[in-house]
Amino acid sequence: MGEERECCTHKTKERPDQEYRDLLNRLNRIEGQVRGIKGMVERDVYCTDILVQVAAVNAALNSFNRVLLANHIKTCVAEDIRAGREQTVDELVATLQKLMK
């Protein structure tokens, strides 16, 4: 009962308006692409045509990740290192390992 957990500690980040809009625009396009794939399946479109669209979504998600990761390194990670919070580097390494699976 007296055990403390880290499950309830969530970090947040305030993003500049332009970064926020760019990320949301990318996600909206990806969401549209996924809905398009769903429609292709519903219309019994040929498998390879669907696979090409899935590859496009994967590329778009990878691009989103690259942009988000670059922003994260330039802001959060750099600020934490300057403030002496070296554990952020460990967090970044763990995140990169998850992304590279």
Protein backbone atom coordinates (compact mmCIF):
# COMPACT_ATOMS: atom_id res chain seq x y z
CA MET A 1 0.00 0.00 0.00
CA GLY A 2 2.80 2.43 0.79
CA GLU A 3 4.51 1.52 -2.46
CA GLU A 4 5.15 4.44 -4.80
CA ARG A 5 4.74 3.93 -8.52
CA GLU A 6 5.91 5.93 -11.47
CA CYS A 7 2.80 5.07 -13.46
CA CYS A 8 1.15 8.36 -12.63
CA THR A 9 4.02 10.63 -13.62
CA HIS A 10 3.47 11.93 -17.11
CA LYS A 11 5.64 14.45 -18.89
CA THR A 12 4.12 17.03 -21.18
CA LYS A 13 5.56 19.42 -23.71
CA GLU A 14 4.31 22.76 -24.90
CA ARG A 15 5.04 23.07 -28.60
CA PRO A 16 5.34 26.23 -30.64
CA ASP A 17 2.24 26.83 -32.79
CA GLN A 18 4.03 26.03 -36.05
CA GLU A 19 5.41 22.72 -34.75
CA TYR A 20 1.99 21.82 -33.36
CA ARG A 21 0.27 22.58 -36.69
CA ASP A 22 2.90 20.69 -38.68
CA LEU A 23 2.57 17.57 -36.53
CA LEU A 24 -1.22 17.65 -36.65
CA ASN A 25 -1.23 18.17 -40.43
CA ARG A 26 1.05 15.17 -40.86
CA LEU A 27 -1.17 13.05 -38.62
CA ASN A 28 -4.31 14.17 -40.45
CA ARG A 29 -2.78 13.12 -43.78
CA ILE A 30 -1.75 9.76 -42.31
CA GLU A 31 -5.23 9.28 -40.87
CA GLY A 32 -6.70 9.97 -44.32
CA GLN A 33 -4.34 7.47 -45.90
CA VAL A 34 -5.36 4.79 -43.38
CA ARG A 35 -9.05 5.49 -44.04
CA GLY A 36 -8.26 5.15 -47.75
CA ILE A 37 -6.69 1.75 -47.15
CA LYS A 38 -9.74 0.66 -45.19
CA GLY A 39 -11.91 1.70 -48.13
CA MET A 40 -9.68 -0.27 -50.49
CA VAL A 41 -10.16 -3.40 -48.38
CA GLU A 42 -13.92 -2.81 -48.27
CA ARG A 43 -13.96 -2.50 -52.09
CA ASP A 44 -11.90 -5.70 -52.53
CA VAL A 45 -9.04 -3.84 -54.23
CA TYR A 46 -6.17 -6.01 -55.46
CA CYS A 47 -3.69 -6.93 -52.69
CA THR A 48 -0.58 -5.36 -54.20
CA ASP A 49 -2.36 -2.03 -54.63
CA ILE A 50 -3.24 -2.07 -50.93
CA LEU A 51 0.30 -3.07 -49.98
CA VAL A 52 1.69 -0.08 -51.89
CA GLN A 53 -0.60 2.22 -49.93
CA VAL A 54 0.39 0.58 -46.64
CA ALA A 55 4.04 1.19 -47.55
CA ALA A 56 3.19 4.85 -48.14
CA VAL A 57 1.60 5.07 -44.67
CA ASN A 58 4.65 3.42 -43.11
CA ALA A 59 6.89 5.97 -44.86
CA ALA A 60 4.69 8.82 -43.64
CA LEU A 61 4.81 7.50 -40.06
CA ASN A 62 8.59 7.16 -40.27
CA SER A 63 8.81 10.74 -41.49
CA PHE A 64 6.58 11.87 -38.62
CA ASN A 65 8.85 10.03 -36.17
CA ARG A 66 11.98 11.66 -37.64
CA VAL A 67 10.48 15.16 -37.30
CA LEU A 68 9.22 14.52 -33.77
CA LEU A 69 12.51 12.92 -32.70
CA ALA A 70 14.57 15.80 -34.11
CA ASN A 71 12.37 18.32 -32.28
CA HIS A 72 12.67 16.28 -29.09
CA ILE A 73 16.47 16.16 -29.27
CA LYS A 74 16.79 19.86 -30.11
CA THR A 75 14.53 20.95 -27.25
CA CYS A 76 13.78 18.51 -24.41
CA VAL A 77 16.99 16.48 -24.53
CA ALA A 78 19.28 19.47 -25.02
CA GLU A 79 17.58 21.41 -22.22
CA ASP A 80 17.74 18.47 -19.83
CA ILE A 81 21.43 17.87 -20.54
CA ARG A 82 22.20 21.56 -19.96
CA ALA A 83 20.28 21.30 -16.66
CA GLY A 84 22.31 18.25 -15.63
CA ARG A 85 19.51 15.72 -16.04
CA GLU A 86 21.62 13.02 -17.67
CA GLN A 87 18.89 10.37 -17.28
CA THR A 88 17.27 11.92 -20.35
CA VAL A 89 20.04 10.39 -22.46
CA ASP A 90 19.15 6.94 -21.12
CA GLU A 91 15.50 7.64 -21.91
CA LEU A 92 16.45 8.68 -25.45
CA VAL A 93 18.53 5.52 -25.95
CA ALA A 94 15.62 3.35 -24.75
CA THR A 95 13.25 5.20 -27.10
CA LEU A 96 15.61 4.71 -30.05
CA GLN A 97 15.84 1.01 -29.29
CA LYS A 98 12.04 0.76 -29.39
CA LEU A 99 11.90 2.68 -32.68
CA MET A 100 14.49 0.41 -34.30
CA LYS A 101 12.74 -2.89 -33.59
